[in-house]
């Protein structure tokens, strides 16, 4: 009996600062006798499982590799979603101090002057809204301790409230 998984999702899409970022993915197969092999995933990449192993396919039926399960030690799916890969070099913002007790400042936010700054709890609740921000410190003393997300027009920042 053959089980087919069509299609294997080959790349992840992340929403970052209003733009779509593609995170390239790789499948890595570790075997007992020949080390490991990596295969770049594409949108038409498939894994065809059999009772004794699996085949890696590209397209409808182009066999890339055939594996016997008795020889497979581990299968890993690797997606490059590191902070460096998502970094927007045009905007360099920093929350200081971090962690915050009462007042926080957004450093490097000159291009944000006149825009709206929103702070969200990790539950997604908007807990602070500053309309027409002019670079002033933001009072967060009333917030409970925890992790918060600052949403600006150009990027999201994280800070910890003590």
C-alpha atoms as a PDB file:
ATOM      1  CA  UNK A   1       0.000   0.000   0.000  1.00  0.00           C
ATOM      2  CA  UNK A   2       1.389   3.421  -0.938  1.00  0.00           C
ATOM      3  CA  UNK A   3       0.530   6.618   0.886  1.00  0.00           C
ATOM      4  CA  UNK A   4       1.013   9.795  -1.080  1.00  0.00           C
ATOM      5  CA  UNK A   5       1.458  13.273   0.337  1.00  0.00           C
ATOM      6  CA  UNK A   6       0.738  15.842  -2.413  1.00  0.00           C
ATOM      7  CA  UNK A   7       2.112  18.419  -2.315  1.00  0.00           C
ATOM      8  CA  UNK A   8       4.721  18.668   0.425  1.00  0.00           C
ATOM      9  CA  UNK A   9       4.871  22.319   1.345  1.00  0.00           C
ATOM     10  CA  UNK A  10       8.301  23.280   0.149  1.00  0.00           C
ATOM     11  CA  UNK A  11       8.798  26.763   1.409  1.00  0.00           C
ATOM     12  CA  UNK A  12       7.382  28.806   4.249  1.00  0.00           C
ATOM     13  CA  UNK A  13       6.063  32.308   3.776  1.00  0.00           C
ATOM     14  CA  UNK A  14       6.450  34.678   6.671  1.00  0.00           C
ATOM     15  CA  UNK A  15       4.755  38.014   7.108  1.00  0.00           C
ATOM     16  CA  UNK A  16       7.286  40.548   8.334  1.00  0.00           C
ATOM     17  CA  UNK A  17       6.632  44.232   8.589  1.00  0.00           C
ATOM     18  CA  UNK A  18       3.965  44.146   5.910  1.00  0.00           C
ATOM     19  CA  UNK A  19       6.109  42.415   3.290  1.00  0.00           C
ATOM     20  CA  UNK A  20       6.134  38.775   2.306  1.00  0.00           C
ATOM     21  CA  UNK A  21       9.406  36.945   2.953  1.00  0.00           C
ATOM     22  CA  UNK A  22      10.119  33.498   1.511  1.00  0.00           C
ATOM     23  CA  UNK A  23      12.081  31.137   3.738  1.00  0.00           C
ATOM     24  CA  UNK A  24      13.893  28.553   1.598  1.00  0.00           C
ATOM     25  CA  UNK A  25      13.590  24.979   2.875  1.00  0.00           C
ATOM     26  CA  UNK A  26      15.704  21.857   2.704  1.00  0.00           C
ATOM     27  CA  UNK A  27      15.062  18.228   3.625  1.00  0.00           C
ATOM     28  CA  UNK A  28      18.054  16.433   5.130  1.00  0.00           C
ATOM     29  CA  UNK A  29      18.078  12.631   5.315  1.00  0.00           C
ATOM     30  CA  UNK A  30      20.569  11.049   7.746  1.00  0.00           C
ATOM     31  CA  UNK A  31      21.393   7.401   7.045  1.00  0.00           C
ATOM     32  CA  UNK A  32      23.344   4.858   9.073  1.00  0.00           C
ATOM     33  CA  UNK A  33      25.808   3.910   6.353  1.00  0.00           C
ATOM     34  CA  UNK A  34      26.335   7.001   4.169  1.00  0.00           C
ATOM     35  CA  UNK A  35      25.990  10.091   6.365  1.00  0.00           C
ATOM     36  CA  UNK A  36      23.489  12.714   5.295  1.00  0.00           C
ATOM     37  CA  UNK A  37      22.162  14.191   2.065  1.00  0.00           C
ATOM     38  CA  UNK A  38      20.324  17.487   1.604  1.00  0.00           C
ATOM     39  CA  UNK A  39      17.681  18.240  -1.008  1.00  0.00           C
ATOM     40  CA  UNK A  40      16.335  21.707  -1.825  1.00  0.00           C
ATOM     41  CA  UNK A  41      12.558  21.719  -1.689  1.00  0.00           C
ATOM     42  CA  UNK A  42      10.441  23.272  -4.393  1.00  0.00           C
ATOM     43  CA  UNK A  43       6.678  23.665  -4.685  1.00  0.00           C
ATOM     44  CA  UNK A  44       6.392  20.435  -6.719  1.00  0.00           C
ATOM     45  CA  UNK A  45       8.578  18.327  -4.381  1.00  0.00           C
ATOM     46  CA  UNK A  46       6.858  15.182  -3.059  1.00  0.00           C
ATOM     47  CA  UNK A  47       7.531  12.325  -0.662  1.00  0.00           C
ATOM     48  CA  UNK A  48       6.044   8.985  -1.673  1.00  0.00           C
ATOM     49  CA  UNK A  49       5.947   6.597   1.321  1.00  0.00           C
ATOM     50  CA  UNK A  50       5.932   2.840   0.790  1.00  0.00           C
ATOM     51  CA  UNK A  51       5.694   0.006   3.308  1.00  0.00           C
ATOM     52  CA  UNK A  52       9.514  -0.252   3.453  1.00  0.00           C
ATOM     53  CA  UNK A  53      10.737   3.290   2.782  1.00  0.00           C
ATOM     54  CA  UNK A  54      10.117   6.440   0.821  1.00  0.00           C
ATOM     55  CA  UNK A  55      10.975   8.064  -2.495  1.00  0.00           C
ATOM     56  CA  UNK A  56      11.807  11.745  -2.956  1.00  0.00           C
ATOM     57  CA  UNK A  57      10.192  13.032  -6.147  1.00  0.00           C
ATOM     58  CA  UNK A  58      10.534  16.243  -8.099  1.00  0.00           C
ATOM     59  CA  UNK A  59       7.609  16.982 -10.348  1.00  0.00           C
ATOM     60  CA  UNK A  60       5.034  14.328 -11.138  1.00  0.00           C
ATOM     61  CA  UNK A  61       7.371  11.338 -11.160  1.00  0.00           C
ATOM     62  CA  UNK A  62      11.066  12.331 -11.403  1.00  0.00           C
ATOM     63  CA  UNK A  63      12.753  10.236  -8.695  1.00  0.00           C
ATOM     64  CA  UNK A  64      15.422  12.213  -6.845  1.00  0.00           C
ATOM     65  CA  UNK A  65      16.274   9.556  -4.238  1.00  0.00           C
ATOM     66  CA  UNK A  66      14.993   6.264  -2.820  1.00  0.00           C
ATOM     67  CA  UNK A  67      15.413   5.407   0.871  1.00  0.00           C
ATOM     68  CA  UNK A  68      14.869   2.183   2.804  1.00  0.00           C
ATOM     69  CA  UNK A  69      13.522   2.989   6.297  1.00  0.00           C
ATOM     70  CA  UNK A  70      15.847   0.443   7.918  1.00  0.00           C
ATOM     71  CA  UNK A  71      18.788   2.628   6.817  1.00  0.00           C
ATOM     72  CA  UNK A  72      17.279   6.018   7.781  1.00  0.00           C
ATOM     73  CA  UNK A  73      18.429   7.409  11.100  1.00  0.00           C
ATOM     74  CA  UNK A  74      16.710  10.810  10.989  1.00  0.00           C
ATOM     75  CA  UNK A  75      14.847  13.158   8.609  1.00  0.00           C
ATOM     76  CA  UNK A  76      15.106  16.916   9.162  1.00  0.00           C
ATOM     77  CA  UNK A  77      13.255  19.780   7.528  1.00  0.00           C
ATOM     78  CA  UNK A  78      15.317  22.951   7.620  1.00  0.00           C
ATOM     79  CA  UNK A  79      13.877  26.405   6.907  1.00  0.00           C
ATOM     80  CA  UNK A  80      16.034  29.527   6.942  1.00  0.00           C
ATOM     81  CA  UNK A  81      13.942  31.777   9.133  1.00  0.00           C
ATOM     82  CA  UNK A  82      16.761  33.266  11.163  1.00  0.00           C
ATOM     83  CA  UNK A  83      16.599  36.845  12.354  1.00  0.00           C
ATOM     84  CA  UNK A  84      19.477  37.708  10.013  1.00  0.00           C
ATOM     85  CA  UNK A  85      17.530  36.424   7.010  1.00  0.00           C
ATOM     86  CA  UNK A  86      14.549  38.620   7.905  1.00  0.00           C
ATOM     87  CA  UNK A  87      16.521  41.704   8.884  1.00  0.00           C
ATOM     88  CA  UNK A  88      15.554  44.933   7.147  1.00  0.00           C
ATOM     89  CA  UNK A  89      18.828  46.826   6.766  1.00  0.00           C
ATOM     90  CA  UNK A  90      17.065  50.088   5.907  1.00  0.00           C
ATOM     91  CA  UNK A  91      15.530  50.454   9.381  1.00  0.00           C
ATOM     92  CA  UNK A  92      17.542  50.094  12.574  1.00  0.00           C
ATOM     93  CA  UNK A  93      15.347  50.493  15.647  1.00  0.00           C
ATOM     94  CA  UNK A  94      16.159  49.693  19.263  1.00  0.00           C
ATOM     95  CA  UNK A  95      14.033  49.728  22.427  1.00  0.00           C
ATOM     96  CA  UNK A  96      15.904  51.086  25.453  1.00  0.00           C
ATOM     97  CA  UNK A  97      16.091  50.100  28.180  1.00  0.00           C
ATOM     98  CA  UNK A  98      15.087  46.506  27.581  1.00  0.00           C
ATOM     99  CA  UNK A  99      13.750  45.155  29.954  1.00  0.00           C
ATOM    100  CA  UNK A 100      11.623  48.223  30.765  1.00  0.00           C
ATOM    101  CA  UNK A 101      10.319  49.292  34.177  1.00  0.00           C
ATOM    102  CA  UNK A 102       8.377  52.460  33.412  1.00  0.00           C
ATOM    103  CA  UNK A 103       9.585  54.599  30.466  1.00  0.00           C
ATOM    104  CA  UNK A 104      10.958  53.254  27.199  1.00  0.00           C
ATOM    105  CA  UNK A 105      12.545  54.971  24.226  1.00  0.00           C
ATOM    106  CA  UNK A 106      12.695  53.904  20.602  1.00  0.00           C
ATOM    107  CA  UNK A 107      16.196  54.722  19.335  1.00  0.00           C
ATOM    108  CA  UNK A 108      16.770  55.195  15.605  1.00  0.00           C
ATOM    109  CA  UNK A 109      13.116  55.955  15.049  1.00  0.00           C
ATOM    110  CA  UNK A 110      13.486  59.371  13.437  1.00  0.00           C
ATOM    111  CA  UNK A 111      11.641  58.206  10.302  1.00  0.00           C
ATOM    112  CA  UNK A 112       8.686  57.238  12.540  1.00  0.00           C
ATOM    113  CA  UNK A 113       8.067  60.794  13.817  1.00  0.00           C
ATOM    114  CA  UNK A 114       4.470  61.739  13.075  1.00  0.00           C
ATOM    115  CA  UNK A 115       3.298  58.123  12.761  1.00  0.00           C
ATOM    116  CA  UNK A 116       1.298  55.848  15.049  1.00  0.00           C
ATOM    117  CA  UNK A 117       3.023  53.473  17.497  1.00  0.00           C
ATOM    118  CA  UNK A 118       1.022  50.529  18.874  1.00  0.00           C
ATOM    119  CA  UNK A 119       2.019  48.142  21.657  1.00  0.00           C
ATOM    120  CA  UNK A 120       0.395  44.713  21.793  1.00  0.00           C
ATOM    121  CA  UNK A 121       0.371  42.021  24.469  1.00  0.00           C
ATOM    122  CA  UNK A 122       1.386  38.515  23.396  1.00  0.00           C
ATOM    123  CA  UNK A 123      -2.346  37.739  23.375  1.00  0.00           C
ATOM    124  CA  UNK A 124      -2.778  40.307  20.585  1.00  0.00           C
ATOM    125  CA  UNK A 125      -4.541  42.977  22.664  1.00  0.00           C
ATOM    126  CA  UNK A 126      -3.617  46.577  21.815  1.00  0.00           C
ATOM    127  CA  UNK A 127      -2.517  47.941  25.214  1.00  0.00           C
ATOM    128  CA  UNK A 128      -0.895  51.268  24.193  1.00  0.00           C
ATOM    129  CA  UNK A 129      -1.555  53.517  21.190  1.00  0.00           C
ATOM    130  CA  UNK A 130       0.478  56.671  20.539  1.00  0.00           C
ATOM    131  CA  UNK A 131      -0.933  58.762  17.697  1.00  0.00           C
ATOM    132  CA  UNK A 132       1.398  61.259  16.005  1.00  0.00           C
ATOM    133  CA  UNK A 133       4.497  60.016  17.875  1.00  0.00           C
ATOM    134  CA  UNK A 134       7.159  62.735  18.135  1.00  0.00           C
ATOM    135  CA  UNK A 135      10.085  60.682  19.477  1.00  0.00           C
ATOM    136  CA  UNK A 136       9.116  61.015  23.130  1.00  0.00           C
ATOM    137  CA  UNK A 137       9.545  58.247  25.712  1.00  0.00           C
ATOM    138  CA  UNK A 138       6.509  55.991  26.115  1.00  0.00           C
ATOM    139  CA  UNK A 139       5.107  55.297  29.586  1.00  0.00           C
ATOM    140  CA  UNK A 140       4.484  51.567  30.102  1.00  0.00           C
ATOM    141  CA  UNK A 141       4.459  51.614  33.920  1.00  0.00           C
ATOM    142  CA  UNK A 142       0.775  50.573  33.963  1.00  0.00           C
ATOM    143  CA  UNK A 143       1.451  47.349  32.018  1.00  0.00           C
ATOM    144  CA  UNK A 144       1.786  43.974  33.743  1.00  0.00           C
ATOM    145  CA  UNK A 145       5.123  42.192  33.633  1.00  0.00           C
ATOM    146  CA  UNK A 146       5.580  40.242  30.420  1.00  0.00           C
ATOM    147  CA  UNK A 147       6.585  40.333  26.775  1.00  0.00           C
ATOM    148  CA  UNK A 148       5.124  42.962  24.444  1.00  0.00           C
ATOM    149  CA  UNK A 149       5.323  43.755  20.721  1.00  0.00           C
ATOM    150  CA  UNK A 150       5.738  47.301  19.404  1.00  0.00           C
ATOM    151  CA  UNK A 151       4.203  47.729  15.968  1.00  0.00           C
ATOM    152  CA  UNK A 152       5.478  50.624  13.856  1.00  0.00           C
ATOM    153  CA  UNK A 153       4.894  51.428  10.205  1.00  0.00           C
ATOM    154  CA  UNK A 154       8.221  49.845   9.272  1.00  0.00           C
ATOM    155  CA  UNK A 155       8.866  46.999  11.717  1.00  0.00           C
ATOM    156  CA  UNK A 156       7.902  45.089  14.835  1.00  0.00           C
ATOM    157  CA  UNK A 157      10.031  45.198  17.991  1.00  0.00           C
ATOM    158  CA  UNK A 158       9.865  43.104  21.157  1.00  0.00           C
ATOM    159  CA  UNK A 159      10.433  44.270  24.716  1.00  0.00           C
ATOM    160  CA  UNK A 160      10.115  42.858  28.200  1.00  0.00           C
ATOM    161  CA  UNK A 161       8.212  44.752  30.896  1.00  0.00           C
ATOM    162  CA  UNK A 162       9.407  44.080  34.454  1.00  0.00           C
END
